[in-house]
Amino acid sequence: MPEGKPFKDREDVKADIRLCALVGTIFQLASFGFAALGVIGDALNITLGLESMSWFLLAIFASLSALVPNMRSLVAKHLFGIETEE
């Protein structure tokens, strides 16, 4: 990899954007699922493997974890746009 360039070529940038979007989507869907399990468990007043608060905490953690790949994808798109202009 040349010094000062974070990506090898355009296809490398596109592959990284696709991967980060996929991982971000998986984390986001997991957070929705965890929140749904927390709401269902609390509404029915039962324990679905974990207590309702634990499901909500997992949902918060998954949502925050989804920010990392989404930010990387945003930076890759920005760098891809700058490279395209040059």
Protein backbone atom coordinates (compact mmCIF):
# COMPACT_ATOMS: atom_id res chain seq x y z
CA MET A 1 0.00 0.00 0.00
CA PRO A 2 1.48 3.37 -0.97
CA GLU A 3 2.26 5.70 1.87
CA GLY A 4 -0.47 8.24 2.60
CA LYS A 5 -3.20 6.28 0.80
CA PRO A 6 -5.62 4.26 2.94
CA PHE A 7 -6.89 2.13 0.02
CA LYS A 8 -5.21 0.38 -2.90
CA ASP A 9 -7.70 1.27 -5.61
CA ARG A 10 -11.34 2.07 -6.30
CA GLU A 11 -12.47 -1.54 -6.05
CA ASP A 12 -10.83 -1.80 -2.63
CA VAL A 13 -12.83 1.23 -1.49
CA LYS A 14 -16.08 -0.18 -2.86
CA ALA A 15 -15.46 -3.57 -1.21
CA ASP A 16 -14.75 -1.87 2.12
CA ILE A 17 -17.92 0.23 1.85
CA ARG A 18 -20.02 -2.88 1.12
CA LEU A 19 -18.48 -4.82 4.01
CA CYS A 20 -18.95 -1.97 6.48
CA ALA A 21 -22.54 -1.44 5.37
CA LEU A 22 -23.27 -5.15 5.85
CA VAL A 23 -21.72 -5.28 9.32
CA GLY A 24 -23.49 -2.06 10.36
CA THR A 25 -26.81 -3.46 9.15
CA ILE A 26 -26.29 -6.70 11.07
CA PHE A 27 -25.54 -4.82 14.30
CA GLN A 28 -28.52 -2.52 13.78
CA LEU A 29 -30.91 -5.41 13.14
CA ALA A 30 -29.53 -7.18 16.21
CA SER A 31 -30.23 -4.08 18.30
CA PHE A 32 -33.84 -4.01 17.05
CA GLY A 33 -34.18 -7.71 17.87
CA PHE A 34 -32.75 -7.26 21.37
CA ALA A 35 -35.08 -4.33 22.03
CA ALA A 36 -38.05 -6.36 20.78
CA LEU A 37 -37.14 -9.24 23.10
CA GLY A 38 -36.89 -6.80 26.00
CA VAL A 39 -40.29 -5.29 25.25
CA ILE A 40 -41.95 -8.68 24.76
CA GLY A 41 -40.41 -10.09 27.93
CA ASP A 42 -41.47 -7.05 29.94
CA ALA A 43 -44.99 -6.98 28.49
CA LEU A 44 -45.59 -10.65 29.18
CA ASN A 45 -43.77 -10.46 32.52
CA ILE A 46 -41.58 -13.46 31.67
CA THR A 47 -37.84 -14.05 31.36
CA LEU A 48 -36.72 -14.81 27.81
CA GLY A 49 -33.30 -16.12 28.70
CA LEU A 50 -32.30 -12.79 30.21
CA GLU A 51 -34.13 -10.15 32.17
CA SER A 52 -35.76 -7.35 30.18
CA MET A 53 -33.20 -4.76 31.28
CA SER A 54 -30.38 -6.99 30.04
CA TRP A 55 -32.04 -7.16 26.60
CA PHE A 56 -32.31 -3.37 26.56
CA LEU A 57 -28.64 -3.02 27.53
CA LEU A 58 -27.69 -5.43 24.73
CA ALA A 59 -29.77 -3.33 22.33
CA ILE A 60 -27.91 -0.18 23.39
CA PHE A 61 -24.55 -1.92 23.04
CA ALA A 62 -25.44 -3.25 19.56
CA SER A 63 -26.62 0.21 18.47
CA LEU A 64 -23.38 1.79 19.62
CA SER A 65 -21.40 -0.99 17.95
CA ALA A 66 -23.18 -0.25 14.67
CA LEU A 67 -21.70 3.25 14.72
CA VAL A 68 -18.15 2.01 14.15
CA PRO A 69 -18.66 0.34 10.74
CA ASN A 70 -21.04 3.10 9.67
CA MET A 71 -18.42 5.76 10.46
CA ARG A 72 -15.75 3.78 8.57
CA SER A 73 -18.10 3.52 5.60
CA LEU A 74 -18.71 7.27 5.76
CA VAL A 75 -14.97 8.00 5.78
CA ALA A 76 -14.41 5.57 2.90
CA LYS A 77 -17.15 7.26 0.86
CA HIS A 78 -15.60 10.66 1.61
CA LEU A 79 -12.14 9.52 0.54
CA PHE A 80 -13.61 7.83 -2.53
CA GLY A 81 -15.29 11.13 -3.46
CA ILE A 82 -12.09 13.12 -2.99
CA GLU A 83 -10.16 10.59 -5.09
CA THR A 84 -12.79 10.78 -7.84
CA GLU A 85 -12.47 14.57 -8.03
CA GLU A 86 -8.70 14.37 -8.44
